[in-house]
């Protein structure tokens, strides 16, 4: 999961966009324009975020739109926080003097 979230600058830009605008519902091309990219250039990163469930796709009329899955996003953030706390604990053990 962390590999997907840290995969590229585009993934970071997408996460920032949707976290700053949690109610955003927009097409791939429009989301790309919002972060200064093209639809083709963000497809792989969007797919990764959809695969781990942070972003969802929905059909609205003839368009497919992207939106943040707030519940799944919270789960992912909690899992990352837990993972980082565990790493911090390992660091404390490694640095302890015996």
C-alpha atoms as a PDB file:
ATOM      1  CA  UNK A   1       0.000   0.000   0.000  1.00  0.00           C
ATOM      2  CA  UNK A   2       2.788   2.427   0.871  1.00  0.00           C
ATOM      3  CA  UNK A   3       4.458   1.682  -2.445  1.00  0.00           C
ATOM      4  CA  UNK A   4       1.322   2.836  -4.260  1.00  0.00           C
ATOM      5  CA  UNK A   5       0.973   5.962  -2.149  1.00  0.00           C
ATOM      6  CA  UNK A   6       4.614   6.899  -2.646  1.00  0.00           C
ATOM      7  CA  UNK A   7       4.766   5.776  -6.282  1.00  0.00           C
ATOM      8  CA  UNK A   8       5.112   9.167  -7.900  1.00  0.00           C
ATOM      9  CA  UNK A   9       4.711  12.899  -7.660  1.00  0.00           C
ATOM     10  CA  UNK A  10       1.413  12.547  -9.508  1.00  0.00           C
ATOM     11  CA  UNK A  11       0.022  10.251  -6.802  1.00  0.00           C
ATOM     12  CA  UNK A  12       1.027  12.829  -4.211  1.00  0.00           C
ATOM     13  CA  UNK A  13      -0.655  15.596  -6.204  1.00  0.00           C
ATOM     14  CA  UNK A  14      -3.835  13.526  -6.482  1.00  0.00           C
ATOM     15  CA  UNK A  15      -3.895  12.805  -2.756  1.00  0.00           C
ATOM     16  CA  UNK A  16      -3.396  16.476  -1.919  1.00  0.00           C
ATOM     17  CA  UNK A  17      -6.152  17.507  -4.342  1.00  0.00           C
ATOM     18  CA  UNK A  18      -8.707  15.071  -2.942  1.00  0.00           C
ATOM     19  CA  UNK A  19      -7.774  15.722   0.690  1.00  0.00           C
ATOM     20  CA  UNK A  20      -8.122  19.464   0.217  1.00  0.00           C
ATOM     21  CA  UNK A  21     -11.383  18.934  -1.666  1.00  0.00           C
ATOM     22  CA  UNK A  22     -12.945  15.812  -0.117  1.00  0.00           C
ATOM     23  CA  UNK A  23     -16.288  16.390  -1.868  1.00  0.00           C
ATOM     24  CA  UNK A  24     -14.716  16.643  -5.312  1.00  0.00           C
ATOM     25  CA  UNK A  25     -16.422  14.552  -7.985  1.00  0.00           C
ATOM     26  CA  UNK A  26     -14.897  15.014 -11.423  1.00  0.00           C
ATOM     27  CA  UNK A  27     -13.769  13.272 -14.585  1.00  0.00           C
ATOM     28  CA  UNK A  28     -10.253  11.979 -15.115  1.00  0.00           C
ATOM     29  CA  UNK A  29      -9.414  14.757 -17.585  1.00  0.00           C
ATOM     30  CA  UNK A  30     -10.765  17.477 -15.297  1.00  0.00           C
ATOM     31  CA  UNK A  31      -8.881  16.091 -12.298  1.00  0.00           C
ATOM     32  CA  UNK A  32      -5.736  16.014 -14.436  1.00  0.00           C
ATOM     33  CA  UNK A  33      -6.206  19.667 -15.416  1.00  0.00           C
ATOM     34  CA  UNK A  34      -6.625  20.623 -11.770  1.00  0.00           C
ATOM     35  CA  UNK A  35      -3.121  19.302 -11.043  1.00  0.00           C
ATOM     36  CA  UNK A  36      -1.595  20.592 -14.263  1.00  0.00           C
ATOM     37  CA  UNK A  37      -1.417  17.260 -16.064  1.00  0.00           C
ATOM     38  CA  UNK A  38      -3.122  15.390 -18.880  1.00  0.00           C
ATOM     39  CA  UNK A  39      -5.604  12.567 -18.435  1.00  0.00           C
ATOM     40  CA  UNK A  40      -3.236  10.075 -20.038  1.00  0.00           C
ATOM     41  CA  UNK A  41      -0.394  11.023 -17.710  1.00  0.00           C
ATOM     42  CA  UNK A  42      -2.389  10.336 -14.523  1.00  0.00           C
ATOM     43  CA  UNK A  43      -4.243   7.160 -15.527  1.00  0.00           C
ATOM     44  CA  UNK A  44      -1.775   4.731 -13.946  1.00  0.00           C
ATOM     45  CA  UNK A  45      -1.635   6.654 -10.660  1.00  0.00           C
ATOM     46  CA  UNK A  46      -5.432   6.950 -10.533  1.00  0.00           C
ATOM     47  CA  UNK A  47      -5.710   3.204 -11.192  1.00  0.00           C
ATOM     48  CA  UNK A  48      -3.390   2.525  -8.262  1.00  0.00           C
ATOM     49  CA  UNK A  49      -5.461   4.695  -5.926  1.00  0.00           C
ATOM     50  CA  UNK A  50      -8.666   3.046  -7.155  1.00  0.00           C
ATOM     51  CA  UNK A  51      -7.142  -0.410  -6.632  1.00  0.00           C
ATOM     52  CA  UNK A  52      -6.375   0.300  -2.968  1.00  0.00           C
ATOM     53  CA  UNK A  53      -9.783   1.923  -2.568  1.00  0.00           C
ATOM     54  CA  UNK A  54      -8.871   5.520  -1.791  1.00  0.00           C
ATOM     55  CA  UNK A  55     -10.538   6.728  -4.979  1.00  0.00           C
ATOM     56  CA  UNK A  56     -13.754   5.340  -6.394  1.00  0.00           C
ATOM     57  CA  UNK A  57     -15.217   5.594  -9.859  1.00  0.00           C
ATOM     58  CA  UNK A  58     -18.881   6.172 -10.565  1.00  0.00           C
ATOM     59  CA  UNK A  59     -20.942   6.499 -13.710  1.00  0.00           C
ATOM     60  CA  UNK A  60     -22.768   9.840 -13.944  1.00  0.00           C
ATOM     61  CA  UNK A  61     -24.725   9.954 -17.162  1.00  0.00           C
ATOM     62  CA  UNK A  62     -22.258   9.128 -19.896  1.00  0.00           C
ATOM     63  CA  UNK A  63     -19.216  10.136 -17.877  1.00  0.00           C
ATOM     64  CA  UNK A  64     -17.117   8.188 -15.436  1.00  0.00           C
ATOM     65  CA  UNK A  65     -16.118  10.313 -12.460  1.00  0.00           C
ATOM     66  CA  UNK A  66     -13.603   9.990  -9.626  1.00  0.00           C
ATOM     67  CA  UNK A  67     -14.302  10.652  -5.982  1.00  0.00           C
ATOM     68  CA  UNK A  68     -12.626  10.115  -2.638  1.00  0.00           C
ATOM     69  CA  UNK A  69     -13.830   7.153  -0.578  1.00  0.00           C
ATOM     70  CA  UNK A  70     -13.612   8.881   2.787  1.00  0.00           C
ATOM     71  CA  UNK A  71     -14.094   5.736   4.864  1.00  0.00           C
ATOM     72  CA  UNK A  72     -11.399   3.790   3.018  1.00  0.00           C
ATOM     73  CA  UNK A  73      -9.096   6.824   3.069  1.00  0.00           C
ATOM     74  CA  UNK A  74      -9.430   6.936   6.863  1.00  0.00           C
ATOM     75  CA  UNK A  75      -8.659   3.202   7.088  1.00  0.00           C
ATOM     76  CA  UNK A  76      -5.545   3.650   4.961  1.00  0.00           C
ATOM     77  CA  UNK A  77      -4.371   6.657   6.992  1.00  0.00           C
ATOM     78  CA  UNK A  78      -4.906   4.711  10.223  1.00  0.00           C
ATOM     79  CA  UNK A  79      -3.002   1.705   8.851  1.00  0.00           C
ATOM     80  CA  UNK A  80      -0.090   3.920   7.796  1.00  0.00           C
ATOM     81  CA  UNK A  81      -0.029   5.648  11.171  1.00  0.00           C
ATOM     82  CA  UNK A  82       0.023   2.262  12.913  1.00  0.00           C
ATOM     83  CA  UNK A  83       2.817   1.061  10.633  1.00  0.00           C
ATOM     84  CA  UNK A  84       4.871   4.195  11.326  1.00  0.00           C
ATOM     85  CA  UNK A  85       4.348   3.849  15.075  1.00  0.00           C
ATOM     86  CA  UNK A  86       5.617   0.273  14.846  1.00  0.00           C
ATOM     87  CA  UNK A  87       8.662   1.437  12.895  1.00  0.00           C
ATOM     88  CA  UNK A  88       9.310   4.102  15.502  1.00  0.00           C
ATOM     89  CA  UNK A  89       9.226   1.407  18.178  1.00  0.00           C
ATOM     90  CA  UNK A  90      11.760  -0.660  16.220  1.00  0.00           C
ATOM     91  CA  UNK A  91      14.003   2.395  15.959  1.00  0.00           C
ATOM     92  CA  UNK A  92      13.868   2.888  19.709  1.00  0.00           C
ATOM     93  CA  UNK A  93      14.819  -0.746  20.276  1.00  0.00           C
ATOM     94  CA  UNK A  94      17.666  -0.525  17.753  1.00  0.00           C
ATOM     95  CA  UNK A  95      19.037   2.611  19.403  1.00  0.00           C
ATOM     96  CA  UNK A  96      18.753   1.306  22.949  1.00  0.00           C
ATOM     97  CA  UNK A  97      21.999   0.527  24.785  1.00  0.00           C
ATOM     98  CA  UNK A  98      22.206  -2.929  26.285  1.00  0.00           C
END
